[in-house]
Amino acid sequence: MRRDEFRIAVDELEDLLDAERTAVLNGNIDDVGRLFDQKSRLLEQLEGWDAANAEVSAALRIKLERNQNLLESAADGVRSVAQRLSAVRRVRESLDTYDARGQRTSVNLKSCGALEKRA
């Protein structure tokens, strides 16, 4: 790869990383997936270049790390929502109570059909 090709690839990668950041912040997961293939291709193109381009490497590393942190946070958020939805689903489907001995008993609400509520 010639120096001008290198510079073009770096510019494309920087633009792509900015687009990826915007997609993550806006919650556009489909765009993130689409950009991943392009990012991988550009990173492979740049792989052969040495550390002589330290400034370029540092700038790219900062953007890559920033996006990685955003992606990890987004994944954590998705996992948290999934756990919360699971807990809500469990509450709708069963009721946990305790007897006089302190033993937990679970009542399956799905099979009951209706639950009578008394004051």
N, C-alpha and C. Protein backbone atom coordinates (compact mmCIF):
# COMPACT_ATOMS: atom_id res chain seq x y z
N MET A 1 0.85 -1.18 0.00
CA MET A 1 0.00 0.00 0.00
C MET A 1 0.89 1.24 0.00
N ARG A 2 0.59 2.14 -0.90
CA ARG A 2 1.35 3.38 -0.97
C ARG A 2 0.85 4.35 0.11
N ARG A 3 1.67 5.38 0.31
CA ARG A 3 1.36 6.35 1.36
C ARG A 3 0.02 7.04 1.13
N ASP A 4 -0.30 7.38 -0.12
CA ASP A 4 -1.58 8.04 -0.38
C ASP A 4 -2.75 7.08 -0.16
N GLU A 5 -2.57 5.81 -0.47
CA GLU A 5 -3.60 4.81 -0.20
C GLU A 5 -3.79 4.63 1.31
N PHE A 6 -2.66 4.69 2.02
CA PHE A 6 -2.71 4.59 3.48
C PHE A 6 -3.53 5.74 4.05
N ARG A 7 -3.24 6.95 3.59
CA ARG A 7 -3.94 8.14 4.10
C ARG A 7 -5.44 8.06 3.79
N ILE A 8 -5.79 7.59 2.61
CA ILE A 8 -7.20 7.45 2.25
C ILE A 8 -7.89 6.44 3.17
N ALA A 9 -7.21 5.32 3.42
CA ALA A 9 -7.77 4.30 4.31
C ALA A 9 -7.95 4.84 5.72
N VAL A 10 -6.98 5.62 6.20
CA VAL A 10 -7.07 6.22 7.54
C VAL A 10 -8.25 7.18 7.60
N ASP A 11 -8.38 8.02 6.58
CA ASP A 11 -9.50 8.98 6.56
C ASP A 11 -10.84 8.26 6.53
N GLU A 12 -10.93 7.20 5.73
CA GLU A 12 -12.17 6.42 5.68
C GLU A 12 -12.48 5.79 7.03
N LEU A 13 -11.44 5.27 7.68
CA LEU A 13 -11.64 4.64 8.98
C LEU A 13 -12.07 5.66 10.03
N GLU A 14 -11.46 6.84 10.01
CA GLU A 14 -11.86 7.89 10.96
C GLU A 14 -13.31 8.28 10.75
N ASP A 15 -13.72 8.45 9.50
CA ASP A 15 -15.12 8.79 9.20
C ASP A 15 -16.05 7.67 9.65
N LEU A 16 -15.63 6.44 9.39
CA LEU A 16 -16.44 5.29 9.78
C LEU A 16 -16.57 5.19 11.29
N LEU A 17 -15.49 5.44 12.02
CA LEU A 17 -15.55 5.39 13.49
C LEU A 17 -16.47 6.48 14.04
N ASP A 18 -16.45 7.64 13.41
CA ASP A 18 -17.38 8.70 13.82
C ASP A 18 -18.83 8.29 13.55
N ALA A 19 -19.06 7.65 12.39
CA ALA A 19 -20.41 7.18 12.05
C ALA A 19 -20.85 6.08 13.01
N GLU A 20 -19.91 5.21 13.38
CA GLU A 20 -20.22 4.14 14.32
C GLU A 20 -20.61 4.72 15.68
N ARG A 21 -19.87 5.72 16.13
CA ARG A 21 -20.17 6.38 17.41
C ARG A 21 -21.57 6.97 17.38
N THR A 22 -21.89 7.66 16.30
CA THR A 22 -23.22 8.27 16.16
C THR A 22 -24.30 7.20 16.16
N ALA A 23 -24.05 6.10 15.46
CA ALA A 23 -25.03 5.01 15.41
C ALA A 23 -25.27 4.41 16.80
N VAL A 24 -24.20 4.21 17.55
CA VAL A 24 -24.34 3.64 18.90
C VAL A 24 -25.11 4.62 19.79
N LEU A 25 -24.75 5.88 19.75
CA LEU A 25 -25.42 6.87 20.60
C LEU A 25 -26.89 7.02 20.25
N ASN A 26 -27.23 6.81 18.97
CA ASN A 26 -28.62 6.91 18.53
C ASN A 26 -29.38 5.59 18.63
N GLY A 27 -28.68 4.53 19.02
CA GLY A 27 -29.32 3.23 19.16
C GLY A 27 -29.59 2.52 17.85
N ASN A 28 -28.88 2.88 16.80
CA ASN A 28 -29.07 2.25 15.49
C ASN A 28 -28.19 1.01 15.38
N ILE A 29 -28.64 -0.07 15.99
CA ILE A 29 -27.84 -1.29 16.05
C ILE A 29 -27.62 -1.87 14.65
N ASP A 30 -28.60 -1.74 13.77
CA ASP A 30 -28.43 -2.24 12.40
C ASP A 30 -27.27 -1.53 11.70
N ASP A 31 -27.16 -0.23 11.91
CA ASP A 31 -26.05 0.52 11.31
C ASP A 31 -24.71 0.07 11.87
N VAL A 32 -24.68 -0.21 13.17
CA VAL A 32 -23.44 -0.66 13.81
C VAL A 32 -22.98 -1.97 13.17
N GLY A 33 -23.91 -2.88 12.97
CA GLY A 33 -23.57 -4.16 12.33
C GLY A 33 -23.07 -3.98 10.91
N ARG A 34 -23.71 -3.09 10.18
CA ARG A 34 -23.31 -2.83 8.80
C ARG A 34 -21.91 -2.21 8.75
N LEU A 35 -21.62 -1.32 9.67
CA LEU A 35 -20.33 -0.64 9.70
C LEU A 35 -19.20 -1.57 10.15
N PHE A 36 -19.55 -2.62 10.91
CA PHE A 36 -18.54 -3.53 11.42
C PHE A 36 -17.73 -4.17 10.30
N ASP A 37 -18.40 -4.62 9.25
CA ASP A 37 -17.69 -5.26 8.13
C ASP A 37 -16.73 -4.28 7.45
N GLN A 38 -17.19 -3.06 7.26
CA GLN A 38 -16.32 -2.04 6.64
C GLN A 38 -15.13 -1.73 7.54
N LYS A 39 -15.38 -1.65 8.83
CA LYS A 39 -14.31 -1.35 9.78
C LYS A 39 -13.27 -2.46 9.78
N SER A 40 -13.72 -3.70 9.76
CA SER A 40 -12.79 -4.84 9.72
C SER A 40 -11.93 -4.80 8.47
N ARG A 41 -12.54 -4.49 7.35
CA ARG A 41 -11.80 -4.43 6.08
C ARG A 41 -10.74 -3.34 6.12
N LEU A 42 -11.09 -2.17 6.62
CA LEU A 42 -10.13 -1.06 6.70
C LEU A 42 -9.02 -1.37 7.69
N LEU A 43 -9.34 -1.98 8.80
CA LEU A 43 -8.30 -2.34 9.77
C LEU A 43 -7.33 -3.36 9.19
N GLU A 44 -7.84 -4.29 8.40
CA GLU A 44 -6.96 -5.25 7.74
C GLU A 44 -6.03 -4.55 6.76
N GLN A 45 -6.53 -3.56 6.04
CA GLN A 45 -5.70 -2.81 5.10
C GLN A 45 -4.58 -2.08 5.82
N LEU A 46 -4.87 -1.56 6.99
CA LEU A 46 -3.89 -0.76 7.73
C LEU A 46 -2.95 -1.61 8.58
N GLU A 47 -3.24 -2.89 8.69
CA GLU A 47 -2.49 -3.77 9.57
C GLU A 47 -0.99 -3.81 9.27
N GLY A 48 -0.60 -3.72 8.03
CA GLY A 48 0.80 -3.85 7.66
C GLY A 48 1.66 -2.63 7.94
N TRP A 49 1.07 -1.52 8.28
CA TRP A 49 1.85 -0.31 8.48
C TRP A 49 2.47 -0.30 9.87
N ASP A 50 3.70 0.19 9.93
CA ASP A 50 4.45 0.18 11.20
C ASP A 50 4.09 1.38 12.08
N ALA A 51 4.72 1.47 13.19
CA ALA A 51 4.46 2.52 14.18
C ALA A 51 5.08 3.86 13.79
N ALA A 52 5.61 3.97 12.59
CA ALA A 52 6.18 5.24 12.13
C ALA A 52 5.10 6.31 12.04
N ASN A 53 3.88 5.88 11.92
CA ASN A 53 2.75 6.81 11.86
C ASN A 53 2.11 6.90 13.25
N ALA A 54 2.90 7.23 14.23
CA ALA A 54 2.46 7.21 15.63
C ALA A 54 1.28 8.13 15.89
N GLU A 55 1.28 9.32 15.30
CA GLU A 55 0.18 10.26 15.52
C GLU A 55 -1.12 9.70 14.99
N VAL A 56 -1.05 9.14 13.79
CA VAL A 56 -2.24 8.55 13.17
C VAL A 56 -2.71 7.37 14.01
N SER A 57 -1.77 6.53 14.42
CA SER A 57 -2.12 5.36 15.22
C SER A 57 -2.76 5.76 16.55
N ALA A 58 -2.23 6.78 17.18
CA ALA A 58 -2.77 7.23 18.47
C ALA A 58 -4.19 7.77 18.30
N ALA A 59 -4.42 8.55 17.25
CA ALA A 59 -5.76 9.10 17.02
C ALA A 59 -6.77 7.99 16.74
N LEU A 60 -6.36 7.03 15.93
CA LEU A 60 -7.25 5.90 15.64
C LEU A 60 -7.51 5.06 16.88
N ARG A 61 -6.47 4.84 17.67
CA ARG A 61 -6.61 4.05 18.89
C ARG A 61 -7.60 4.71 19.85
N ILE A 62 -7.53 6.02 19.97
CA ILE A 62 -8.45 6.74 20.85
C ILE A 62 -9.89 6.55 20.39
N LYS A 63 -10.12 6.69 19.08
CA LYS A 63 -11.48 6.52 18.56
C LYS A 63 -11.95 5.08 18.69
N LEU A 64 -11.06 4.13 18.43
CA LEU A 64 -11.41 2.72 18.55
C LEU A 64 -11.77 2.38 20.00
N GLU A 65 -10.98 2.85 20.95
CA GLU A 65 -11.26 2.59 22.36
C GLU A 65 -12.55 3.26 22.81
N ARG A 66 -12.77 4.49 22.34
CA ARG A 66 -14.01 5.21 22.67
C ARG A 66 -15.22 4.42 22.20
N ASN A 67 -15.17 3.97 20.95
CA ASN A 67 -16.29 3.21 20.41
C ASN A 67 -16.46 1.87 21.11
N GLN A 68 -15.35 1.23 21.44
CA GLN A 68 -15.42 -0.05 22.15
C GLN A 68 -16.12 0.14 23.50
N ASN A 69 -15.77 1.21 24.21
CA ASN A 69 -16.42 1.50 25.49
C ASN A 69 -17.91 1.75 25.31
N LEU A 70 -18.26 2.49 24.26
CA LEU A 70 -19.68 2.75 23.99
C LEU A 70 -20.42 1.46 23.67
N LEU A 71 -19.80 0.61 22.85
CA LEU A 71 -20.43 -0.66 22.49
C LEU A 71 -20.61 -1.56 23.71
N GLU A 72 -19.61 -1.58 24.59
CA GLU A 72 -19.72 -2.39 25.82
C GLU A 72 -20.83 -1.84 26.72
N SER A 73 -20.93 -0.53 26.82
CA SER A 73 -21.99 0.07 27.64
C SER A 73 -23.36 -0.22 27.04
N ALA A 74 -23.47 -0.14 25.72
CA ALA A 74 -24.74 -0.46 25.07
C ALA A 74 -25.12 -1.91 25.31
N ALA A 75 -24.15 -2.81 25.23
CA ALA A 75 -24.42 -4.23 25.48
C ALA A 75 -24.85 -4.45 26.93
N ASP A 76 -24.20 -3.75 27.87
CA ASP A 76 -24.59 -3.83 29.28
C ASP A 76 -26.04 -3.37 29.46
N GLY A 77 -26.40 -2.30 28.76
CA GLY A 77 -27.76 -1.78 28.84
C GLY A 77 -28.78 -2.77 28.30
N VAL A 78 -28.46 -3.42 27.20
CA VAL A 78 -29.35 -4.42 26.62
C VAL A 78 -29.52 -5.59 27.57
N ARG A 79 -28.41 -6.04 28.16
CA ARG A 79 -28.49 -7.14 29.14
C ARG A 79 -29.34 -6.74 30.34
N SER A 80 -29.19 -5.51 30.81
CA SER A 80 -29.96 -5.03 31.95
C SER A 80 -31.46 -5.01 31.63
N VAL A 81 -31.80 -4.54 30.45
CA VAL A 81 -33.20 -4.52 30.04
C VAL A 81 -33.75 -5.94 29.94
N ALA A 82 -32.97 -6.85 29.39
CA ALA A 82 -33.41 -8.24 29.26
C ALA A 82 -33.65 -8.85 30.64
N GLN A 83 -32.78 -8.57 31.60
CA GLN A 83 -32.97 -9.07 32.95
C GLN A 83 -34.22 -8.49 33.59
N ARG A 84 -34.44 -7.21 33.38
CA ARG A 84 -35.61 -6.55 33.97
C ARG A 84 -36.89 -7.11 33.36
N LEU A 85 -36.92 -7.30 32.04
CA LEU A 85 -38.09 -7.87 31.39
C LEU A 85 -38.36 -9.29 31.87
N SER A 86 -37.30 -10.03 32.10
CA SER A 86 -37.44 -11.39 32.62
C SER A 86 -38.05 -11.37 34.02
N ALA A 87 -37.60 -10.44 34.84
CA ALA A 87 -38.14 -10.32 36.20
C ALA A 87 -39.62 -9.93 36.16
N VAL A 88 -39.97 -9.02 35.29
CA VAL A 88 -41.38 -8.60 35.16
C VAL A 88 -42.22 -9.78 34.69
N ARG A 89 -41.71 -10.55 33.76
CA ARG A 89 -42.42 -11.72 33.25
C ARG A 89 -42.64 -12.74 34.37
N ARG A 90 -41.60 -12.95 35.19
CA ARG A 90 -41.74 -13.89 36.32
C ARG A 90 -42.82 -13.42 37.29
N VAL A 91 -42.87 -12.13 37.56
CA VAL A 91 -43.86 -11.59 38.48
C VAL A 91 -45.27 -11.80 37.92
N ARG A 92 -45.44 -11.67 36.63
CA ARG A 92 -46.75 -11.86 36.02
C ARG A 92 -47.18 -13.32 36.02
N GLU A 93 -46.21 -14.22 35.97
CA GLU A 93 -46.53 -15.63 35.83
C GLU A 93 -46.58 -16.38 37.15
N SER A 94 -45.99 -15.84 38.20
CA SER A 94 -46.00 -16.55 39.48
C SER A 94 -45.99 -15.56 40.63
N LEU A 95 -46.36 -16.09 41.79
CA LEU A 95 -46.39 -15.29 43.00
C LEU A 95 -45.64 -16.07 44.07
N ASP A 96 -44.64 -15.47 44.66
CA ASP A 96 -43.90 -16.12 45.74
C ASP A 96 -44.44 -15.65 47.08
N THR A 97 -44.77 -16.61 47.92
CA THR A 97 -45.26 -16.30 49.27
C THR A 97 -44.46 -17.12 50.27
N TYR A 98 -44.62 -16.80 51.54
CA TYR A 98 -43.93 -17.51 52.61
C TYR A 98 -44.95 -18.04 53.60
N ASP A 99 -44.74 -19.26 54.03
CA ASP A 99 -45.67 -19.84 55.00
C ASP A 99 -45.22 -19.47 56.42
N ALA A 100 -45.92 -20.01 57.42
CA ALA A 100 -45.65 -19.69 58.82
C ALA A 100 -44.25 -20.13 59.25
N ARG A 101 -43.69 -21.12 58.60
CA ARG A 101 -42.34 -21.59 58.94
C ARG A 101 -41.25 -20.83 58.17
N GLY A 102 -41.66 -19.89 57.33
CA GLY A 102 -40.67 -19.11 56.58
C GLY A 102 -40.23 -19.77 55.28
N GLN A 103 -40.92 -20.83 54.89
CA GLN A 103 -40.60 -21.53 53.66
C GLN A 103 -41.27 -20.82 52.48
N ARG A 104 -40.49 -20.61 51.45
CA ARG A 104 -41.03 -19.94 50.26
C ARG A 104 -41.85 -20.92 49.43
N THR A 105 -42.99 -20.45 48.99
CA THR A 105 -43.86 -21.23 48.12
C THR A 105 -44.16 -20.38 46.89
N SER A 106 -44.11 -21.01 45.74
CA SER A 106 -44.38 -20.30 44.51
C SER A 106 -45.72 -20.76 43.95
N VAL A 107 -46.59 -19.81 43.62
CA VAL A 107 -47.89 -20.10 43.04
C VAL A 107 -47.83 -19.72 41.58
N ASN A 108 -48.10 -20.69 40.70
CA ASN A 108 -48.08 -20.45 39.26
C ASN A 108 -49.38 -19.77 38.87
N LEU A 109 -49.33 -18.52 38.45
CA LEU A 109 -50.52 -17.76 38.10
C LEU A 109 -51.04 -18.10 36.72
N LYS A 110 -50.20 -18.65 35.87
CA LYS A 110 -50.64 -18.99 34.53
C LYS A 110 -51.69 -20.09 34.56
N SER A 111 -51.51 -21.08 35.42
CA SER A 111 -52.43 -22.20 35.45
C SER A 111 -53.71 -21.86 36.22
N CYS A 112 -53.68 -20.85 37.08
CA CYS A 112 -54.85 -20.50 37.88
C CYS A 112 -55.93 -19.84 37.04
N GLY A 113 -55.57 -19.09 36.06
CA GLY A 113 -56.55 -18.37 35.26
C GLY A 113 -56.89 -17.02 35.86
N ALA A 114 -57.27 -17.00 37.11
CA ALA A 114 -57.62 -15.73 37.75
C ALA A 114 -57.19 -15.80 39.21
N LEU A 115 -56.81 -14.68 39.74
CA LEU A 115 -56.39 -14.60 41.13
C LEU A 115 -57.35 -13.67 41.85
N GLU A 116 -57.94 -14.15 42.93
CA GLU A 116 -58.85 -13.33 43.70
C GLU A 116 -58.04 -12.48 44.65
N LYS A 117 -58.32 -11.20 44.64
CA LYS A 117 -57.61 -10.28 45.52
C LYS A 117 -58.55 -9.84 46.63
N ARG A 118 -58.10 -9.96 47.86
CA ARG A 118 -58.91 -9.54 49.01
C ARG A 118 -58.14 -8.49 49.80
N ALA A 119 -58.87 -7.64 50.44
CA ALA A 119 -58.25 -6.60 51.25
C ALA A 119 -57.96 -7.10 52.63
